[in-house]
Amino acid sequence: MANSYSWSFTAMERVFGPDENGNTDIVVCLMWRYTGVDAGGRMCSFPGRSVLSVTEDTDFVDFDDISEADAIAWAEASVGEHEMEAMRREIDADIAEQTTPTRTIVLSDSLPWRG
């Protein structure tokens, strides 16, 4: 079964404005976490941030009216499809490593010469 992926948002940076277009209460940065999880509950996540800008071509959304769907769309657009695919590959590889480990860390008290 394929891993499932989700966004969570840890913070937003707001500028009270007004900006050059007269907008107030503007979100200029999203702090987020993109997480993958498998059917067994193993997970991996990437923290990140997306710097946003409002232009004349952008549909402005007042802070109080921002939905989670808006934030996800902004984060995905900021990250880009190529980087989204790279994050999913890295998440998948990490979860696969958790499922079937191919390496381990040997602590100093377990080194072979410490017998």
Foldseek 3Di string as FASTA:
>chain_A
DAKDKDKDWDDWDWAQDDDPVGDGGATFKTWMKMKIADPVGDIDIDTDMFGDDDDPPDDDDHPVRDDVVNVVVRVDVRCDPVNVVVRSVVTVVVSVCVVPPPDDDQDPCRDPVVD
